[in-house]
Amino acid sequence: MRPPLLDRAMIEHLLGQHPLWRLEQDPPPPAKIVREIVAPNFLAAVGLINAIALAAEKLDHHPDILLYGWNKLRISTTTHDQGGLTELDFKLAGEIDAIAGA
């Protein structure tokens, strides 16, 4: 069973622990957290994608990953089956921060 949705106060609290992430609530819902990463080159960016994919698979929680501009990643996560943010999103954010060398 997936964890429950977080309320706004808890989201703000957890964002304080993940300063490289920002909240996006633009329509359409659900809310998501987003981080941009600039890698030193294309190969490093693809390596980050692969490492993030492995971490996401272990959590059974998969982010959206966009590679653009040859070395930039835009990562966003939400818990689709709950319709918003849960503790899984912030756990994954922590894993991604560790991989990217936050």
N, C-alpha and C. Protein backbone atom coordinates (compact mmCIF):
# COMPACT_ATOMS: atom_id res chain seq x y z
N MET A 1 0.84 -1.18 0.00
CA MET A 1 0.00 0.00 0.00
C MET A 1 0.89 1.25 0.00
N ARG A 2 0.51 2.22 -0.77
CA ARG A 2 1.24 3.47 -0.89
C ARG A 2 0.98 4.35 0.33
N PRO A 3 1.96 5.18 0.70
CA PRO A 3 1.74 6.09 1.82
C PRO A 3 0.70 7.15 1.46
N PRO A 4 0.10 7.78 2.47
CA PRO A 4 -0.94 8.78 2.21
C PRO A 4 -0.35 10.09 1.71
N LEU A 5 -1.22 10.91 1.14
CA LEU A 5 -0.83 12.25 0.70
C LEU A 5 -0.35 13.08 1.88
N LEU A 6 0.61 13.94 1.62
CA LEU A 6 1.11 14.85 2.64
C LEU A 6 0.30 16.15 2.61
N ASP A 7 0.10 16.74 3.79
CA ASP A 7 -0.57 18.04 3.82
C ASP A 7 0.46 19.14 3.52
N ARG A 8 -0.03 20.34 3.27
CA ARG A 8 0.83 21.45 2.86
C ARG A 8 1.93 21.73 3.89
N ALA A 9 1.61 21.68 5.18
CA ALA A 9 2.61 21.96 6.21
C ALA A 9 3.75 20.94 6.17
N MET A 10 3.43 19.68 5.98
CA MET A 10 4.46 18.64 5.91
C MET A 10 5.28 18.79 4.63
N ILE A 11 4.64 19.13 3.53
CA ILE A 11 5.37 19.35 2.27
C ILE A 11 6.39 20.47 2.46
N GLU A 12 5.96 21.58 3.06
CA GLU A 12 6.87 22.71 3.29
C GLU A 12 8.02 22.30 4.22
N HIS A 13 7.71 21.53 5.24
CA HIS A 13 8.75 21.04 6.16
C HIS A 13 9.77 20.18 5.42
N LEU A 14 9.29 19.24 4.61
CA LEU A 14 10.20 18.35 3.89
C LEU A 14 10.98 19.09 2.81
N LEU A 15 10.37 20.09 2.18
CA LEU A 15 11.11 20.90 1.21
C LEU A 15 12.28 21.62 1.88
N GLY A 16 12.10 21.99 3.14
CA GLY A 16 13.18 22.62 3.88
C GLY A 16 14.38 21.70 4.04
N GLN A 17 14.15 20.39 4.00
CA GLN A 17 15.22 19.41 4.11
C GLN A 17 15.84 19.08 2.75
N HIS A 18 15.19 19.55 1.69
CA HIS A 18 15.64 19.28 0.31
C HIS A 18 15.68 20.61 -0.45
N PRO A 19 16.64 21.48 -0.12
CA PRO A 19 16.64 22.84 -0.67
C PRO A 19 16.86 22.94 -2.18
N LEU A 20 17.32 21.88 -2.81
CA LEU A 20 17.53 21.92 -4.26
C LEU A 20 16.26 21.59 -5.04
N TRP A 21 15.21 21.24 -4.34
CA TRP A 21 13.93 20.88 -4.96
C TRP A 21 12.93 22.02 -4.77
N ARG A 22 12.03 22.15 -5.73
CA ARG A 22 10.97 23.16 -5.61
C ARG A 22 9.62 22.51 -5.88
N LEU A 23 8.61 23.10 -5.30
CA LEU A 23 7.25 22.61 -5.47
C LEU A 23 6.64 23.23 -6.72
N GLU A 24 5.99 22.41 -7.53
CA GLU A 24 5.22 22.88 -8.68
C GLU A 24 3.80 22.40 -8.52
N GLN A 25 2.88 23.33 -8.60
CA GLN A 25 1.46 22.99 -8.49
C GLN A 25 0.66 23.55 -9.65
N ASP A 26 1.34 23.82 -10.75
CA ASP A 26 0.63 24.37 -11.91
C ASP A 26 -0.42 23.38 -12.38
N PRO A 27 -1.54 23.90 -12.86
CA PRO A 27 -2.54 22.99 -13.41
C PRO A 27 -1.96 22.24 -14.60
N PRO A 28 -2.32 21.04 -14.87
CA PRO A 28 -3.23 20.26 -14.04
C PRO A 28 -2.50 19.63 -12.87
N PRO A 29 -3.26 19.32 -11.80
CA PRO A 29 -2.66 18.59 -10.69
C PRO A 29 -2.18 17.23 -11.19
N PRO A 30 -1.40 16.53 -10.50
CA PRO A 30 -1.08 16.67 -9.08
C PRO A 30 0.15 17.54 -8.84
N ALA A 31 0.35 17.93 -7.58
CA ALA A 31 1.56 18.65 -7.18
C ALA A 31 2.75 17.73 -7.36
N LYS A 32 3.91 18.34 -7.64
CA LYS A 32 5.14 17.57 -7.80
C LYS A 32 6.30 18.39 -7.28
N ILE A 33 7.41 17.71 -7.01
CA ILE A 33 8.64 18.41 -6.68
C ILE A 33 9.60 18.22 -7.85
N VAL A 34 10.40 19.26 -8.08
CA VAL A 34 11.24 19.32 -9.28
C VAL A 34 12.65 19.76 -8.89
N ARG A 35 13.63 19.16 -9.56
CA ARG A 35 15.02 19.57 -9.41
C ARG A 35 15.68 19.60 -10.78
N GLU A 36 16.52 20.60 -10.99
CA GLU A 36 17.35 20.70 -12.20
C GLU A 36 18.78 20.33 -11.82
N ILE A 37 19.42 19.57 -12.68
CA ILE A 37 20.82 19.18 -12.47
C ILE A 37 21.58 19.48 -13.76
N VAL A 38 22.73 20.11 -13.62
CA VAL A 38 23.61 20.34 -14.76
C VAL A 38 24.82 19.43 -14.59
N ALA A 39 24.99 18.53 -15.55
CA ALA A 39 26.12 17.60 -15.53
C ALA A 39 27.29 18.21 -16.31
N PRO A 40 28.50 17.71 -16.08
CA PRO A 40 29.64 18.28 -16.80
C PRO A 40 29.63 18.00 -18.30
N ASN A 41 28.95 16.93 -18.70
CA ASN A 41 28.90 16.60 -20.14
C ASN A 41 27.74 15.63 -20.39
N PHE A 42 27.55 15.29 -21.65
CA PHE A 42 26.44 14.42 -22.04
C PHE A 42 26.55 13.04 -21.39
N LEU A 43 27.72 12.46 -21.42
CA LEU A 43 27.89 11.11 -20.87
C LEU A 43 27.60 11.10 -19.37
N ALA A 44 28.02 12.11 -18.66
CA ALA A 44 27.73 12.20 -17.22
C ALA A 44 26.23 12.34 -16.98
N ALA A 45 25.56 13.11 -17.82
CA ALA A 45 24.11 13.27 -17.69
C ALA A 45 23.39 11.94 -17.87
N VAL A 46 23.80 11.18 -18.87
CA VAL A 46 23.19 9.86 -19.11
C VAL A 46 23.52 8.92 -17.96
N GLY A 47 24.73 9.01 -17.42
CA GLY A 47 25.09 8.21 -16.26
C GLY A 47 24.21 8.52 -15.06
N LEU A 48 23.91 9.81 -14.84
CA LEU A 48 22.99 10.19 -13.76
C LEU A 48 21.61 9.59 -13.98
N ILE A 49 21.14 9.62 -15.21
CA ILE A 49 19.83 9.03 -15.51
C ILE A 49 19.82 7.55 -15.13
N ASN A 50 20.87 6.84 -15.52
CA ASN A 50 20.92 5.40 -15.21
C ASN A 50 20.98 5.15 -13.72
N ALA A 51 21.76 5.94 -12.99
CA ALA A 51 21.85 5.77 -11.54
C ALA A 51 20.52 6.09 -10.86
N ILE A 52 19.85 7.14 -11.32
CA ILE A 52 18.54 7.50 -10.78
C ILE A 52 17.52 6.40 -11.07
N ALA A 53 17.61 5.83 -12.26
CA ALA A 53 16.69 4.75 -12.63
C ALA A 53 16.84 3.55 -11.69
N LEU A 54 18.07 3.20 -11.34
CA LEU A 54 18.29 2.08 -10.42
C LEU A 54 17.73 2.38 -9.03
N ALA A 55 17.96 3.58 -8.54
CA ALA A 55 17.44 3.97 -7.22
C ALA A 55 15.91 3.98 -7.23
N ALA A 56 15.34 4.49 -8.30
CA ALA A 56 13.88 4.56 -8.41
C ALA A 56 13.27 3.17 -8.45
N GLU A 57 13.92 2.28 -9.15
CA GLU A 57 13.42 0.91 -9.24
C GLU A 57 13.42 0.24 -7.88
N LYS A 58 14.46 0.47 -7.09
CA LYS A 58 14.53 -0.11 -5.75
C LYS A 58 13.40 0.40 -4.86
N LEU A 59 13.02 1.67 -5.05
CA LEU A 59 11.92 2.25 -4.27
C LEU A 59 10.56 1.95 -4.87
N ASP A 60 10.54 1.41 -6.09
CA ASP A 60 9.30 1.23 -6.86
C ASP A 60 8.55 2.56 -6.95
N HIS A 61 9.32 3.60 -7.26
CA HIS A 61 8.76 4.96 -7.37
C HIS A 61 9.56 5.69 -8.44
N HIS A 62 8.92 5.98 -9.56
CA HIS A 62 9.63 6.38 -10.76
C HIS A 62 9.36 7.84 -11.12
N PRO A 63 10.43 8.64 -11.22
CA PRO A 63 10.27 10.05 -11.56
C PRO A 63 10.17 10.25 -13.08
N ASP A 64 9.76 11.44 -13.46
CA ASP A 64 9.89 11.87 -14.84
C ASP A 64 11.27 12.49 -14.97
N ILE A 65 12.00 12.11 -16.01
CA ILE A 65 13.34 12.63 -16.24
C ILE A 65 13.42 13.17 -17.66
N LEU A 66 13.83 14.43 -17.77
CA LEU A 66 14.01 15.06 -19.08
C LEU A 66 15.48 15.43 -19.22
N LEU A 67 16.10 14.97 -20.30
CA LEU A 67 17.46 15.36 -20.66
C LEU A 67 17.35 16.40 -21.75
N TYR A 68 17.95 17.56 -21.53
CA TYR A 68 17.89 18.62 -22.54
C TYR A 68 19.21 19.39 -22.56
N GLY A 69 19.44 20.09 -23.67
CA GLY A 69 20.64 20.91 -23.78
C GLY A 69 21.93 20.13 -23.63
N TRP A 70 21.96 18.89 -23.95
CA TRP A 70 23.07 17.94 -23.94
C TRP A 70 23.63 17.58 -22.57
N ASN A 71 23.35 18.38 -21.52
CA ASN A 71 23.92 18.03 -20.21
C ASN A 71 23.04 18.42 -19.04
N LYS A 72 21.79 18.74 -19.31
CA LYS A 72 20.90 19.20 -18.24
C LYS A 72 19.77 18.19 -18.03
N LEU A 73 19.44 17.97 -16.75
CA LEU A 73 18.33 17.09 -16.39
C LEU A 73 17.29 17.89 -15.63
N ARG A 74 16.04 17.61 -15.92
CA ARG A 74 14.92 18.11 -15.13
C ARG A 74 14.21 16.88 -14.60
N ILE A 75 14.21 16.75 -13.28
CA ILE A 75 13.62 15.58 -12.64
C ILE A 75 12.41 16.05 -11.85
N SER A 76 11.30 15.37 -12.05
CA SER A 76 10.10 15.69 -11.27
C SER A 76 9.50 14.39 -10.74
N THR A 77 8.94 14.49 -9.55
CA THR A 77 8.33 13.32 -8.95
C THR A 77 7.04 13.68 -8.24
N THR A 78 6.09 12.80 -8.36
CA THR A 78 4.81 12.85 -7.66
C THR A 78 4.35 11.41 -7.51
N THR A 79 3.44 11.17 -6.62
CA THR A 79 2.90 9.82 -6.46
C THR A 79 1.58 9.77 -7.22
N HIS A 80 1.68 9.34 -8.46
CA HIS A 80 0.54 9.38 -9.38
C HIS A 80 -0.69 8.65 -8.83
N ASP A 81 -0.47 7.47 -8.25
CA ASP A 81 -1.63 6.70 -7.80
C ASP A 81 -2.29 7.28 -6.55
N GLN A 82 -1.64 8.26 -5.91
CA GLN A 82 -2.25 8.95 -4.78
C GLN A 82 -2.72 10.36 -5.17
N GLY A 83 -2.30 10.81 -6.33
CA GLY A 83 -2.74 12.12 -6.81
C GLY A 83 -2.03 13.30 -6.18
N GLY A 84 -0.77 13.11 -5.77
CA GLY A 84 -0.01 14.21 -5.18
C GLY A 84 1.26 13.71 -4.52
N LEU A 85 1.74 14.47 -3.57
CA LEU A 85 3.03 14.17 -2.93
C LEU A 85 2.86 13.30 -1.69
N THR A 86 3.74 12.31 -1.59
CA THR A 86 3.80 11.43 -0.42
C THR A 86 5.25 11.37 0.05
N GLU A 87 5.48 10.67 1.14
CA GLU A 87 6.84 10.53 1.65
C GLU A 87 7.76 9.86 0.63
N LEU A 88 7.21 9.06 -0.29
CA LEU A 88 8.03 8.41 -1.31
C LEU A 88 8.74 9.44 -2.18
N ASP A 89 8.06 10.53 -2.48
CA ASP A 89 8.67 11.56 -3.33
C ASP A 89 9.89 12.18 -2.66
N PHE A 90 9.80 12.41 -1.37
CA PHE A 90 10.92 13.01 -0.66
C PHE A 90 12.02 12.00 -0.39
N LYS A 91 11.66 10.75 -0.22
CA LYS A 91 12.68 9.70 -0.09
C LYS A 91 13.47 9.58 -1.39
N LEU A 92 12.76 9.60 -2.52
CA LEU A 92 13.42 9.55 -3.81
C LEU A 92 14.27 10.80 -4.02
N ALA A 93 13.77 11.96 -3.62
CA ALA A 93 14.55 13.20 -3.73
C ALA A 93 15.88 13.06 -2.98
N GLY A 94 15.85 12.48 -1.80
CA GLY A 94 17.08 12.27 -1.03
C GLY A 94 18.04 11.35 -1.75
N GLU A 95 17.52 10.29 -2.35
CA GLU A 95 18.36 9.36 -3.11
C GLU A 95 19.00 10.07 -4.29
N ILE A 96 18.21 10.88 -5.00
CA ILE A 96 18.72 11.61 -6.17
C ILE A 96 19.77 12.63 -5.72
N ASP A 97 19.54 13.31 -4.61
CA ASP A 97 20.54 14.25 -4.11
C ASP A 97 21.85 13.53 -3.81
N ALA A 98 21.78 12.35 -3.24
CA ALA A 98 22.99 11.59 -2.93
C ALA A 98 23.72 11.19 -4.21
N ILE A 99 22.97 10.77 -5.20
CA ILE A 99 23.57 10.36 -6.49
C ILE A 99 24.24 11.56 -7.18
N ALA A 100 23.55 12.70 -7.15
CA ALA A 100 24.05 13.89 -7.85
C ALA A 100 25.11 14.63 -7.06
N GLY A 101 25.35 14.19 -5.83
CA GLY A 101 26.34 14.88 -5.01
C GLY A 101 25.86 16.23 -4.56
N ALA A 102 24.59 16.24 -4.11
CA ALA A 102 23.94 17.48 -3.66
C ALA A 102 24.91 18.31 -2.88
